[in-house]
Amino acid sequence: DPQSLGTALAGAEKVLLISGSDVGRRV
């Protein structure tokens, strides 16, 4: 849900992107 990601990352200076587990969709 890209819209939720915009809200979640608002004001972020550093982001730790932990790899997802949905094989085939992660990129």
mmCIF file of all heavy atoms, coordinates in Angstrom:
data_MODEL
# 
_entry.id   MODEL 
# 
loop_
_atom_site.group_PDB 
_atom_site.id 
_atom_site.type_symbol 
_atom_site.label_atom_id 
_atom_site.label_alt_id 
_atom_site.label_comp_id 
_atom_site.label_asym_id 
_atom_site.label_entity_id 
_atom_site.label_seq_id 
_atom_site.pdbx_PDB_ins_code 
_atom_site.Cartn_x 
_atom_site.Cartn_y 
_atom_site.Cartn_z 
_atom_site.occupancy 
_atom_site.B_iso_or_equiv 
_atom_site.pdbx_formal_charge 
_atom_site.auth_seq_id 
_atom_site.auth_comp_id 
_atom_site.auth_asym_id 
_atom_site.auth_atom_id 
_atom_site.pdbx_PDB_model_num 
ATOM 1   N N   . ASP A 1 1  ? 0.848  -1.183  0.000  1.00 0.00 ? 1  ASP A N   1 
ATOM 2   C CA  . ASP A 1 1  ? 0.000  0.000   0.000  1.00 0.00 ? 1  ASP A CA  1 
ATOM 3   C C   . ASP A 1 1  ? 0.892  1.244   0.000  1.00 0.00 ? 1  ASP A C   1 
ATOM 4   O O   . ASP A 1 1  ? 1.240  1.769   1.062  1.00 0.00 ? 1  ASP A O   1 
ATOM 5   C CB  . ASP A 1 1  ? -0.912 -0.014  1.232  1.00 0.00 ? 1  ASP A CB  1 
ATOM 6   C CG  . ASP A 1 1  ? -1.868 1.180   1.292  1.00 0.00 ? 1  ASP A CG  1 
ATOM 7   O OD1 . ASP A 1 1  ? -1.769 2.068   0.427  1.00 0.00 ? 1  ASP A OD1 1 
ATOM 8   O OD2 . ASP A 1 1  ? -2.700 1.211   2.221  1.00 0.00 ? 1  ASP A OD2 1 
ATOM 9   N N   . PRO A 1 2  ? 1.279  1.723   -1.170 1.00 0.00 ? 2  PRO A N   1 
ATOM 10  C CA  . PRO A 1 2  ? 2.202  2.863   -1.247 1.00 0.00 ? 2  PRO A CA  1 
ATOM 11  C C   . PRO A 1 2  ? 1.732  4.097   -0.485 1.00 0.00 ? 2  PRO A C   1 
ATOM 12  O O   . PRO A 1 2  ? 2.546  4.836   0.071  1.00 0.00 ? 2  PRO A O   1 
ATOM 13  C CB  . PRO A 1 2  ? 2.291  3.132   -2.755 1.00 0.00 ? 2  PRO A CB  1 
ATOM 14  C CG  . PRO A 1 2  ? 2.017  1.807   -3.386 1.00 0.00 ? 2  PRO A CG  1 
ATOM 15  C CD  . PRO A 1 2  ? 0.976  1.178   -2.506 1.00 0.00 ? 2  PRO A CD  1 
ATOM 16  N N   . GLN A 1 3  ? 0.420  4.334   -0.450 1.00 0.00 ? 3  GLN A N   1 
ATOM 17  C CA  . GLN A 1 3  ? -0.077 5.502   0.290  1.00 0.00 ? 3  GLN A CA  1 
ATOM 18  C C   . GLN A 1 3  ? 0.255  5.395   1.770  1.00 0.00 ? 3  GLN A C   1 
ATOM 19  O O   . GLN A 1 3  ? 0.646  6.379   2.407  1.00 0.00 ? 3  GLN A O   1 
ATOM 20  C CB  . GLN A 1 3  ? -1.584 5.649   0.096  1.00 0.00 ? 3  GLN A CB  1 
ATOM 21  C CG  . GLN A 1 3  ? -2.152 6.919   0.741  1.00 0.00 ? 3  GLN A CG  1 
ATOM 22  C CD  . GLN A 1 3  ? -3.615 7.127   0.410  1.00 0.00 ? 3  GLN A CD  1 
ATOM 23  O OE1 . GLN A 1 3  ? -4.174 6.469   -0.459 1.00 0.00 ? 3  GLN A OE1 1 
ATOM 24  N NE2 . GLN A 1 3  ? -4.245 8.075   1.086  1.00 0.00 ? 3  GLN A NE2 1 
ATOM 25  N N   . SER A 1 4  ? 0.112  4.193   2.327  1.00 0.00 ? 4  SER A N   1 
ATOM 26  C CA  . SER A 1 4  ? 0.439  4.010   3.743  1.00 0.00 ? 4  SER A CA  1 
ATOM 27  C C   . SER A 1 4  ? 1.932  4.215   3.989  1.00 0.00 ? 4  SER A C   1 
ATOM 28  O O   . SER A 1 4  ? 2.333  4.711   5.046  1.00 0.00 ? 4  SER A O   1 
ATOM 29  C CB  . SER A 1 4  ? 0.014  2.613   4.218  1.00 0.00 ? 4  SER A CB  1 
ATOM 30  O OG  . SER A 1 4  ? 0.912  1.606   3.767  1.00 0.00 ? 4  SER A OG  1 
ATOM 31  N N   . LEU A 1 5  ? 2.756  3.870   3.010  1.00 0.00 ? 5  LEU A N   1 
ATOM 32  C CA  . LEU A 1 5  ? 4.198  4.035   3.174  1.00 0.00 ? 5  LEU A CA  1 
ATOM 33  C C   . LEU A 1 5  ? 4.577  5.510   3.225  1.00 0.00 ? 5  LEU A C   1 
ATOM 34  O O   . LEU A 1 5  ? 5.470  5.910   3.977  1.00 0.00 ? 5  LEU A O   1 
ATOM 35  C CB  . LEU A 1 5  ? 4.932  3.335   2.032  1.00 0.00 ? 5  LEU A CB  1 
ATOM 36  C CG  . LEU A 1 5  ? 4.811  1.810   2.004  1.00 0.00 ? 5  LEU A CG  1 
ATOM 37  C CD1 . LEU A 1 5  ? 5.423  1.247   0.727  1.00 0.00 ? 5  LEU A CD1 1 
ATOM 38  C CD2 . LEU A 1 5  ? 5.474  1.194   3.232  1.00 0.00 ? 5  LEU A CD2 1 
ATOM 39  N N   . GLY A 1 6  ? 3.882  6.328   2.430  1.00 0.00 ? 6  GLY A N   1 
ATOM 40  C CA  . GLY A 1 6  ? 4.143  7.761   2.489  1.00 0.00 ? 6  GLY A CA  1 
ATOM 41  C C   . GLY A 1 6  ? 3.870  8.321   3.864  1.00 0.00 ? 6  GLY A C   1 
ATOM 42  O O   . GLY A 1 6  ? 4.639  9.144   4.381  1.00 0.00 ? 6  GLY A O   1 
ATOM 43  N N   . THR A 1 7  ? 2.782  7.877   4.482  1.00 0.00 ? 7  THR A N   1 
ATOM 44  C CA  . THR A 1 7  ? 2.448  8.328   5.835  1.00 0.00 ? 7  THR A CA  1 
ATOM 45  C C   . THR A 1 7  ? 3.436  7.782   6.856  1.00 0.00 ? 7  THR A C   1 
ATOM 46  O O   . THR A 1 7  ? 3.885  8.486   7.759  1.00 0.00 ? 7  THR A O   1 
ATOM 47  C CB  . THR A 1 7  ? 1.023  7.887   6.199  1.00 0.00 ? 7  THR A CB  1 
ATOM 48  O OG1 . THR A 1 7  ? 0.108  8.416   5.241  1.00 0.00 ? 7  THR A OG1 1 
ATOM 49  C CG2 . THR A 1 7  ? 0.640  8.360   7.585  1.00 0.00 ? 7  THR A CG2 1 
ATOM 50  N N   . ALA A 1 8  ? 3.799  6.514   6.701  1.00 0.00 ? 8  ALA A N   1 
ATOM 51  C CA  . ALA A 1 8  ? 4.690  5.875   7.668  1.00 0.00 ? 8  ALA A CA  1 
ATOM 52  C C   . ALA A 1 8  ? 6.071  6.510   7.688  1.00 0.00 ? 8  ALA A C   1 
ATOM 53  O O   . ALA A 1 8  ? 6.711  6.617   8.741  1.00 0.00 ? 8  ALA A O   1 
ATOM 54  C CB  . ALA A 1 8  ? 4.807  4.387   7.354  1.00 0.00 ? 8  ALA A CB  1 
ATOM 55  N N   . LEU A 1 9  ? 6.550  6.948   6.520  1.00 0.00 ? 9  LEU A N   1 
ATOM 56  C CA  . LEU A 1 9  ? 7.909  7.469   6.420  1.00 0.00 ? 9  LEU A CA  1 
ATOM 57  C C   . LEU A 1 9  ? 7.980  8.990   6.532  1.00 0.00 ? 9  LEU A C   1 
ATOM 58  O O   . LEU A 1 9  ? 9.056  9.572   6.387  1.00 0.00 ? 9  LEU A O   1 
ATOM 59  C CB  . LEU A 1 9  ? 8.552  7.027   5.110  1.00 0.00 ? 9  LEU A CB  1 
ATOM 60  C CG  . LEU A 1 9  ? 9.296  5.684   5.146  1.00 0.00 ? 9  LEU A CG  1 
ATOM 61  C CD1 . LEU A 1 9  ? 8.359  4.534   5.475  1.00 0.00 ? 9  LEU A CD1 1 
ATOM 62  C CD2 . LEU A 1 9  ? 9.983  5.406   3.812  1.00 0.00 ? 9  LEU A CD2 1 
ATOM 63  N N   . ALA A 1 10 ? 6.862  9.643   6.796  1.00 0.00 ? 10 ALA A N   1 
ATOM 64  C CA  . ALA A 1 10 ? 6.851  11.102  6.895  1.00 0.00 ? 10 ALA A CA  1 
ATOM 65  C C   . ALA A 1 10 ? 7.815  11.564  7.989  1.00 0.00 ? 10 ALA A C   1 
ATOM 66  O O   . ALA A 1 10 ? 7.756  11.100  9.122  1.00 0.00 ? 10 ALA A O   1 
ATOM 67  C CB  . ALA A 1 10 ? 5.436  11.600  7.195  1.00 0.00 ? 10 ALA A CB  1 
ATOM 68  N N   . GLY A 1 11 ? 8.710  12.465  7.633  1.00 0.00 ? 11 GLY A N   1 
ATOM 69  C CA  . GLY A 1 11 ? 9.662  13.000  8.599  1.00 0.00 ? 11 GLY A CA  1 
ATOM 70  C C   . GLY A 1 11 ? 10.866 12.130  8.858  1.00 0.00 ? 11 GLY A C   1 
ATOM 71  O O   . GLY A 1 11 ? 11.700 12.449  9.714  1.00 0.00 ? 11 GLY A O   1 
ATOM 72  N N   . ALA A 1 12 ? 10.988 11.030  8.108  1.00 0.00 ? 12 ALA A N   1 
ATOM 73  C CA  . ALA A 1 12 ? 12.101 10.106  8.357  1.00 0.00 ? 12 ALA A CA  1 
ATOM 74  C C   . ALA A 1 12 ? 13.438 10.722  7.951  1.00 0.00 ? 12 ALA A C   1 
ATOM 75  O O   . ALA A 1 12 ? 13.552 11.330  6.894  1.00 0.00 ? 12 ALA A O   1 
ATOM 76  C CB  . ALA A 1 12 ? 11.887 8.809   7.595  1.00 0.00 ? 12 ALA A CB  1 
ATOM 77  N N   . GLU A 1 13 ? 14.430 10.553  8.798  1.00 0.00 ? 13 GLU A N   1 
ATOM 78  C CA  . GLU A 1 13 ? 15.810 10.878  8.435  1.00 0.00 ? 13 GLU A CA  1 
ATOM 79  C C   . GLU A 1 13 ? 16.526 9.602   7.994  1.00 0.00 ? 13 GLU A C   1 
ATOM 80  O O   . GLU A 1 13 ? 17.187 9.577   6.959  1.00 0.00 ? 13 GLU A O   1 
ATOM 81  C CB  . GLU A 1 13 ? 16.522 11.523  9.619  1.00 0.00 ? 13 GLU A CB  1 
ATOM 82  C CG  . GLU A 1 13 ? 15.914 12.849  10.058 1.00 0.00 ? 13 GLU A CG  1 
ATOM 83  C CD  . GLU A 1 13 ? 16.541 13.366  11.320 1.00 0.00 ? 13 GLU A CD  1 
ATOM 84  O OE1 . GLU A 1 13 ? 17.642 12.902  11.691 1.00 0.00 ? 13 GLU A OE1 1 
ATOM 85  O OE2 . GLU A 1 13 ? 15.935 14.248  11.966 1.00 0.00 ? 13 GLU A OE2 1 
ATOM 86  N N   . LYS A 1 14 ? 16.367 8.550   8.789  1.00 0.00 ? 14 LYS A N   1 
ATOM 87  C CA  . LYS A 1 14 ? 16.965 7.257   8.467  1.00 0.00 ? 14 LYS A CA  1 
ATOM 88  C C   . LYS A 1 14 ? 15.868 6.213   8.378  1.00 0.00 ? 14 LYS A C   1 
ATOM 89  O O   . LYS A 1 14 ? 14.919 6.231   9.163  1.00 0.00 ? 14 LYS A O   1 
ATOM 90  C CB  . LYS A 1 14 ? 17.987 6.849   9.532  1.00 0.00 ? 14 LYS A CB  1 
ATOM 91  C CG  . LYS A 1 14 ? 19.150 7.822   9.675  1.00 0.00 ? 14 LYS A CG  1 
ATOM 92  C CD  . LYS A 1 14 ? 20.134 7.352   10.733 1.00 0.00 ? 14 LYS A CD  1 
ATOM 93  C CE  . LYS A 1 14 ? 21.303 8.328   10.864 1.00 0.00 ? 14 LYS A CE  1 
ATOM 94  N NZ  . LYS A 1 14 ? 22.305 7.877   11.862 1.00 0.00 ? 14 LYS A NZ  1 
ATOM 95  N N   . VAL A 1 15 ? 15.995 5.331   7.402  1.00 0.00 ? 15 VAL A N   1 
ATOM 96  C CA  . VAL A 1 15 ? 15.011 4.266   7.208  1.00 0.00 ? 15 VAL A CA  1 
ATOM 97  C C   . VAL A 1 15 ? 15.736 2.929   7.166  1.00 0.00 ? 15 VAL A C   1 
ATOM 98  O O   . VAL A 1 15 ? 16.677 2.756   6.384  1.00 0.00 ? 15 VAL A O   1 
ATOM 99  C CB  . VAL A 1 15 ? 14.229 4.459   5.887  1.00 0.00 ? 15 VAL A CB  1 
ATOM 100 C CG1 . VAL A 1 15 ? 13.260 3.290   5.670  1.00 0.00 ? 15 VAL A CG1 1 
ATOM 101 C CG2 . VAL A 1 15 ? 13.485 5.790   5.876  1.00 0.00 ? 15 VAL A CG2 1 
ATOM 102 N N   . LEU A 1 16 ? 15.321 2.008   8.021  1.00 0.00 ? 16 LEU A N   1 
ATOM 103 C CA  . LEU A 1 16 ? 15.795 0.629   7.927  1.00 0.00 ? 16 LEU A CA  1 
ATOM 104 C C   . LEU A 1 16 ? 14.744 -0.159  7.173  1.00 0.00 ? 16 LEU A C   1 
ATOM 105 O O   . LEU A 1 16 ? 13.639 -0.388  7.682  1.00 0.00 ? 16 LEU A O   1 
ATOM 106 C CB  . LEU A 1 16 ? 16.036 0.011   9.308  1.00 0.00 ? 16 LEU A CB  1 
ATOM 107 C CG  . LEU A 1 16 ? 16.418 -1.474  9.285  1.00 0.00 ? 16 LEU A CG  1 
ATOM 108 C CD1 . LEU A 1 16 ? 17.751 -1.692  8.563  1.00 0.00 ? 16 LEU A CD1 1 
ATOM 109 C CD2 . LEU A 1 16 ? 16.479 -2.059  10.694 1.00 0.00 ? 16 LEU A CD2 1 
ATOM 110 N N   . LEU A 1 17 ? 15.063 -0.535  5.948  1.00 0.00 ? 17 LEU A N   1 
ATOM 111 C CA  . LEU A 1 17 ? 14.165 -1.347  5.123  1.00 0.00 ? 17 LEU A CA  1 
ATOM 112 C C   . LEU A 1 17 ? 14.507 -2.815  5.351  1.00 0.00 ? 17 LEU A C   1 
ATOM 113 O O   . LEU A 1 17 ? 15.516 -3.314  4.856  1.00 0.00 ? 17 LEU A O   1 
ATOM 114 C CB  . LEU A 1 17 ? 14.317 -0.970  3.652  1.00 0.00 ? 17 LEU A CB  1 
ATOM 115 C CG  . LEU A 1 17 ? 13.634 -1.873  2.608  1.00 0.00 ? 17 LEU A CG  1 
ATOM 116 C CD1 . LEU A 1 17 ? 12.169 -2.098  2.929  1.00 0.00 ? 17 LEU A CD1 1 
ATOM 117 C CD2 . LEU A 1 17 ? 13.820 -1.297  1.213  1.00 0.00 ? 17 LEU A CD2 1 
ATOM 118 N N   . ILE A 1 18 ? 13.676 -3.476  6.142  1.00 0.00 ? 18 ILE A N   1 
ATOM 119 C CA  . ILE A 1 18 ? 13.860 -4.903  6.401  1.00 0.00 ? 18 ILE A CA  1 
ATOM 120 C C   . ILE A 1 18 ? 13.152 -5.674  5.298  1.00 0.00 ? 18 ILE A C   1 
ATOM 121 O O   . ILE A 1 18 ? 11.966 -5.472  5.037  1.00 0.00 ? 18 ILE A O   1 
ATOM 122 C CB  . ILE A 1 18 ? 13.310 -5.298  7.782  1.00 0.00 ? 18 ILE A CB  1 
ATOM 123 C CG1 . ILE A 1 18 ? 14.132 -4.602  8.878  1.00 0.00 ? 18 ILE A CG1 1 
ATOM 124 C CG2 . ILE A 1 18 ? 13.339 -6.809  7.976  1.00 0.00 ? 18 ILE A CG2 1 
ATOM 125 C CD1 . ILE A 1 18 ? 13.654 -4.891  10.289 1.00 0.00 ? 18 ILE A CD1 1 
ATOM 126 N N   . SER A 1 19 ? 13.887 -6.550  4.658  1.00 0.00 ? 19 SER A N   1 
ATOM 127 C CA  . SER A 1 19 ? 13.361 -7.288  3.521  1.00 0.00 ? 19 SER A CA  1 
ATOM 128 C C   . SER A 1 19 ? 12.078 -8.023  3.878  1.00 0.00 ? 19 SER A C   1 
ATOM 129 O O   . SER A 1 19 ? 11.959 -8.633  4.945  1.00 0.00 ? 19 SER A O   1 
ATOM 130 C CB  . SER A 1 19 ? 14.408 -8.296  3.039  1.00 0.00 ? 19 SER A CB  1 
ATOM 131 O OG  . SER A 1 19 ? 13.887 -9.120  2.028  1.00 0.00 ? 19 SER A OG  1 
ATOM 132 N N   . GLY A 1 20 ? 11.111 -7.966  2.955  1.00 0.00 ? 20 GLY A N   1 
ATOM 133 C CA  . GLY A 1 20 ? 9.856  -8.671  3.147  1.00 0.00 ? 20 GLY A CA  1 
ATOM 134 C C   . GLY A 1 20 ? 9.996  -10.164 2.906  1.00 0.00 ? 20 GLY A C   1 
ATOM 135 O O   . GLY A 1 20 ? 11.052 -10.663 2.514  1.00 0.00 ? 20 GLY A O   1 
ATOM 136 N N   . SER A 1 21 ? 8.918  -10.879 3.127  1.00 0.00 ? 21 SER A N   1 
ATOM 137 C CA  . SER A 1 21 ? 8.944  -12.345 3.010  1.00 0.00 ? 21 SER A CA  1 
ATOM 138 C C   . SER A 1 21 ? 8.084  -12.871 1.872  1.00 0.00 ? 21 SER A C   1 
ATOM 139 O O   . SER A 1 21 ? 7.955  -14.080 1.709  1.00 0.00 ? 21 SER A O   1 
ATOM 140 C CB  . SER A 1 21 ? 8.474  -12.976 4.331  1.00 0.00 ? 21 SER A CB  1 
ATOM 141 O OG  . SER A 1 21 ? 7.185  -12.526 4.676  1.00 0.00 ? 21 SER A OG  1 
ATOM 142 N N   . ASP A 1 22 ? 7.490  -11.976 1.079  1.00 0.00 ? 22 ASP A N   1 
ATOM 143 C CA  . ASP A 1 22 ? 6.611  -12.406 -0.020 1.00 0.00 ? 22 ASP A CA  1 
ATOM 144 C C   . ASP A 1 22 ? 7.449  -12.675 -1.265 1.00 0.00 ? 22 ASP A C   1 
ATOM 145 O O   . ASP A 1 22 ? 7.662  -11.778 -2.097 1.00 0.00 ? 22 ASP A O   1 
ATOM 146 C CB  . ASP A 1 22 ? 5.556  -11.343 -0.321 1.00 0.00 ? 22 ASP A CB  1 
ATOM 147 C CG  . ASP A 1 22 ? 4.580  -11.152 0.825  1.00 0.00 ? 22 ASP A CG  1 
ATOM 148 O OD1 . ASP A 1 22 ? 4.333  -12.138 1.547  1.00 0.00 ? 22 ASP A OD1 1 
ATOM 149 O OD2 . ASP A 1 22 ? 4.066  -10.034 0.992  1.00 0.00 ? 22 ASP A OD2 1 
ATOM 150 N N   . VAL A 1 23 ? 7.944  -13.886 -1.375 1.00 0.00 ? 23 VAL A N   1 
ATOM 151 C CA  . VAL A 1 23 ? 8.825  -14.245 -2.493 1.00 0.00 ? 23 VAL A CA  1 
ATOM 152 C C   . VAL A 1 23 ? 8.108  -14.000 -3.821 1.00 0.00 ? 23 VAL A C   1 
ATOM 153 O O   . VAL A 1 23 ? 6.946  -14.371 -3.991 1.00 0.00 ? 23 VAL A O   1 
ATOM 154 C CB  . VAL A 1 23 ? 9.256  -15.723 -2.375 1.00 0.00 ? 23 VAL A CB  1 
ATOM 155 C CG1 . VAL A 1 23 ? 10.097 -16.126 -3.578 1.00 0.00 ? 23 VAL A CG1 1 
ATOM 156 C CG2 . VAL A 1 23 ? 10.035 -15.931 -1.082 1.00 0.00 ? 23 VAL A CG2 1 
ATOM 157 N N   . GLY A 1 24 ? 8.810  -13.344 -4.746 1.00 0.00 ? 24 GLY A N   1 
ATOM 158 C CA  . GLY A 1 24 ? 8.252  -13.028 -6.040 1.00 0.00 ? 24 GLY A CA  1 
ATOM 159 C C   . GLY A 1 24 ? 7.674  -11.630 -6.134 1.00 0.00 ? 24 GLY A C   1 
ATOM 160 O O   . GLY A 1 24 ? 7.418  -11.125 -7.226 1.00 0.00 ? 24 GLY A O   1 
ATOM 161 N N   . ARG A 1 25 ? 7.482  -10.984 -4.988 1.00 0.00 ? 25 ARG A N   1 
ATOM 162 C CA  . ARG A 1 25 ? 6.888  -9.645  -4.972 1.00 0.00 ? 25 ARG A CA  1 
ATOM 163 C C   . ARG A 1 25 ? 7.791  -8.619  -4.301 1.00 0.00 ? 25 ARG A C   1 
ATOM 164 O O   . ARG A 1 25 ? 7.453  -7.436  -4.237 1.00 0.00 ? 25 ARG A O   1 
ATOM 165 C CB  . ARG A 1 25 ? 5.548  -9.696  -4.226 1.00 0.00 ? 25 ARG A CB  1 
ATOM 166 C CG  . ARG A 1 25 ? 4.527  -10.628 -4.861 1.00 0.00 ? 25 ARG A CG  1 
ATOM 167 C CD  . ARG A 1 25 ? 3.353  -10.884 -3.941 1.00 0.00 ? 25 ARG A CD  1 
ATOM 168 N NE  . ARG A 1 25 ? 2.693  -9.649  -3.525 1.00 0.00 ? 25 ARG A NE  1 
ATOM 169 C CZ  . ARG A 1 25 ? 1.837  -9.575  -2.513 1.00 0.00 ? 25 ARG A CZ  1 
ATOM 170 N NH1 . ARG A 1 25 ? 1.552  -10.640 -1.801 1.00 0.00 ? 25 ARG A NH1 1 
ATOM 171 N NH2 . ARG A 1 25 ? 1.271  -8.432  -2.202 1.00 0.00 ? 25 ARG A NH2 1 
ATOM 172 N N   . ARG A 1 26 ? 8.943  -9.068  -3.835 1.00 0.00 ? 26 ARG A N   1 
ATOM 173 C CA  . ARG A 1 26 ? 9.724  -8.190  -2.964 1.00 0.00 ? 26 ARG A CA  1 
ATOM 174 C C   . ARG A 1 26 ? 10.359 -7.004  -3.670 1.00 0.00 ? 26 ARG A C   1 
ATOM 175 O O   . ARG A 1 26 ? 10.475 -5.927  -3.074 1.00 0.00 ? 26 ARG A O   1 
ATOM 176 C CB  . ARG A 1 26 ? 10.773 -9.010  -2.216 1.00 0.00 ? 26 ARG A CB  1 
ATOM 177 C CG  . ARG A 1 26 ? 10.147 -9.893  -1.164 1.00 0.00 ? 26 ARG A CG  1 
ATOM 178 C CD  . ARG A 1 26 ? 11.150 -10.631 -0.338 1.00 0.00 ? 26 ARG A CD  1 
ATOM 179 N NE  . ARG A 1 26 ? 11.770 -11.718 -1.080 1.00 0.00 ? 26 ARG A NE  1 
ATOM 180 C CZ  . ARG A 1 26 ? 12.551 -12.629 -0.513 1.00 0.00 ? 26 ARG A CZ  1 
ATOM 181 N NH1 . ARG A 1 26 ? 12.829 -12.561 0.779  1.00 0.00 ? 26 ARG A NH1 1 
ATOM 182 N NH2 . ARG A 1 26 ? 13.077 -13.609 -1.225 1.00 0.00 ? 26 ARG A NH2 1 
ATOM 183 N N   . VAL A 1 27 ? 10.791 -7.158  -4.900 1.00 0.00 ? 27 VAL A N   1 
ATOM 184 C CA  . VAL A 1 27 ? 11.400 -6.010  -5.586 1.00 0.00 ? 27 VAL A CA  1 
ATOM 185 C C   . VAL A 1 27 ? 10.387 -4.885  -5.709 1.00 0.00 ? 27 VAL A C   1 
ATOM 186 O O   . VAL A 1 27 ? 10.697 -3.712  -5.426 1.00 0.00 ? 27 VAL A O   1 
ATOM 187 C CB  . VAL A 1 27 ? 11.951 -6.416  -6.965 1.00 0.00 ? 27 VAL A CB  1 
ATOM 188 C CG1 . VAL A 1 27 ? 12.473 -5.188  -7.705 1.00 0.00 ? 27 VAL A CG1 1 
ATOM 189 C CG2 . VAL A 1 27 ? 13.075 -7.444  -6.816 1.00 0.00 ? 27 VAL A CG2 1 
# 
